[in-house]
Amino acid sequence: MDKDEIIKALAHPTRMAILSWLKNPKEHFLTQEHPFEMGVCASQFERCGLSQSTVSAHLGTLHRAGLVTTKRVGQWVFYKRNEDTIATFLKQLTQDL
């Protein structure tokens, strides 16, 4: 876990929103046809109102920081929160501060 990388990833409001939406995907991604156990399909994030390339960049930043995991199924990529990394980061942050 790279704390600095996580802090940088959390510094953008869109990435914070994405993590928030992924916390309760059934509430925020009503049009997804795939089971949420797989994660949320990348195409569902168009709700941000941003271009596909910008959303992909934000998701990539979250992935590199270890805050989300990905699963490729055919042509689709699904994203889920990495609860273990998030919990470890929060615990470490609490200890450090």
Protein backbone atom coordinates (compact mmCIF):
# COMPACT_ATOMS: atom_id res chain seq x y z
CA MET A 1 0.00 0.00 0.00
CA ASP A 2 1.41 3.36 -1.06
CA LYS A 3 -0.20 5.98 1.20
CA ASP A 4 0.98 8.88 -0.95
CA GLU A 5 -0.50 7.31 -4.08
CA ILE A 6 -3.82 6.79 -2.28
CA ILE A 7 -3.89 10.37 -0.99
CA LYS A 8 -3.24 11.66 -4.51
CA ALA A 9 -6.03 9.45 -5.87
CA LEU A 10 -8.45 10.73 -3.23
CA ALA A 11 -7.59 14.36 -3.97
CA HIS A 12 -10.00 14.61 -6.93
CA PRO A 13 -13.76 14.99 -6.27
CA THR A 14 -14.73 12.74 -9.19
CA ARG A 15 -12.62 9.88 -7.84
CA MET A 16 -14.14 10.38 -4.39
CA ALA A 17 -17.60 10.25 -5.99
CA ILE A 18 -16.72 7.05 -7.86
CA LEU A 19 -15.62 5.38 -4.63
CA SER A 20 -18.79 6.57 -2.94
CA TRP A 21 -20.97 5.20 -5.74
CA LEU A 22 -19.14 1.87 -5.60
CA LYS A 23 -19.88 1.60 -1.90
CA ASN A 24 -23.59 1.06 -2.71
CA PRO A 25 -23.69 0.16 -6.40
CA LYS A 26 -27.31 -1.04 -6.35
CA GLU A 27 -28.40 2.49 -5.44
CA HIS A 28 -26.29 4.28 -8.03
CA PHE A 29 -26.14 2.02 -11.09
CA LEU A 30 -29.75 1.04 -11.64
CA THR A 31 -29.32 0.34 -15.36
CA GLN A 32 -26.58 -2.28 -14.98
CA GLU A 33 -27.70 -5.64 -16.34
CA HIS A 34 -24.81 -7.70 -14.97
CA PRO A 35 -24.75 -8.98 -11.37
CA PHE A 36 -23.12 -6.51 -8.98
CA GLU A 37 -21.02 -9.33 -7.54
CA MET A 38 -18.91 -8.90 -10.68
CA GLY A 39 -18.49 -5.19 -9.96
CA VAL A 40 -19.73 -2.19 -11.90
CA CYS A 41 -19.19 -2.13 -15.64
CA ALA A 42 -16.94 0.72 -16.78
CA SER A 43 -19.66 1.99 -19.12
CA GLN A 44 -21.90 2.71 -16.13
CA PHE A 45 -19.63 5.55 -15.00
CA GLU A 46 -20.85 7.81 -17.81
CA ARG A 47 -23.13 9.25 -15.13
CA CYS A 48 -20.17 11.47 -14.21
CA GLY A 49 -20.93 13.59 -17.25
CA LEU A 50 -17.33 13.20 -18.37
CA SER A 51 -15.89 11.71 -21.52
CA GLN A 52 -15.11 8.01 -21.60
CA SER A 53 -11.38 8.73 -21.73
CA THR A 54 -11.55 11.00 -18.66
CA VAL A 55 -13.55 8.42 -16.71
CA SER A 56 -11.04 5.74 -17.76
CA ALA A 57 -8.19 7.91 -16.50
CA HIS A 58 -9.91 8.36 -13.13
CA LEU A 59 -10.60 4.63 -12.83
CA GLY A 60 -6.99 3.90 -13.77
CA THR A 61 -5.75 6.22 -11.03
CA LEU A 62 -7.96 4.49 -8.47
CA HIS A 63 -6.75 1.09 -9.69
CA ARG A 64 -3.05 2.02 -9.53
CA ALA A 65 -3.59 3.29 -5.98
CA GLY A 66 -5.14 -0.07 -5.10
CA LEU A 67 -8.50 1.44 -4.16
CA VAL A 68 -10.43 -0.57 -6.77
CA THR A 69 -10.00 -3.97 -8.33
CA THR A 70 -10.82 -4.87 -11.91
CA LYS A 71 -12.20 -7.94 -13.58
CA ARG A 72 -12.31 -8.34 -17.36
CA VAL A 73 -15.20 -10.36 -18.74
CA GLY A 74 -15.10 -10.48 -22.53
CA GLN A 75 -15.12 -6.90 -23.77
CA TRP A 76 -16.23 -5.43 -20.43
CA VAL A 77 -14.20 -4.33 -17.43
CA PHE A 78 -15.86 -4.35 -14.01
CA TYR A 79 -14.74 -2.32 -11.01
CA LYS A 80 -15.17 -2.98 -7.29
CA ARG A 81 -13.90 -1.19 -4.21
CA ASN A 82 -10.89 -2.84 -2.63
CA GLU A 83 -12.23 -2.83 0.92
CA ASP A 84 -9.07 -4.42 2.35
CA THR A 85 -6.83 -1.64 1.03
CA ILE A 86 -9.30 1.06 2.07
CA ALA A 87 -9.52 -0.34 5.62
CA THR A 88 -5.73 -0.68 5.90
CA PHE A 89 -5.24 2.88 4.64
CA LEU A 90 -7.79 4.31 7.09
CA LYS A 91 -6.24 2.40 9.98
CA GLN A 92 -2.74 3.59 9.06
CA LEU A 93 -3.95 7.17 8.61
CA THR A 94 -5.58 7.10 12.03
CA GLN A 95 -2.36 5.81 13.60
CA ASP A 96 -0.17 8.34 11.79
CA LEU A 97 -2.28 11.36 12.65
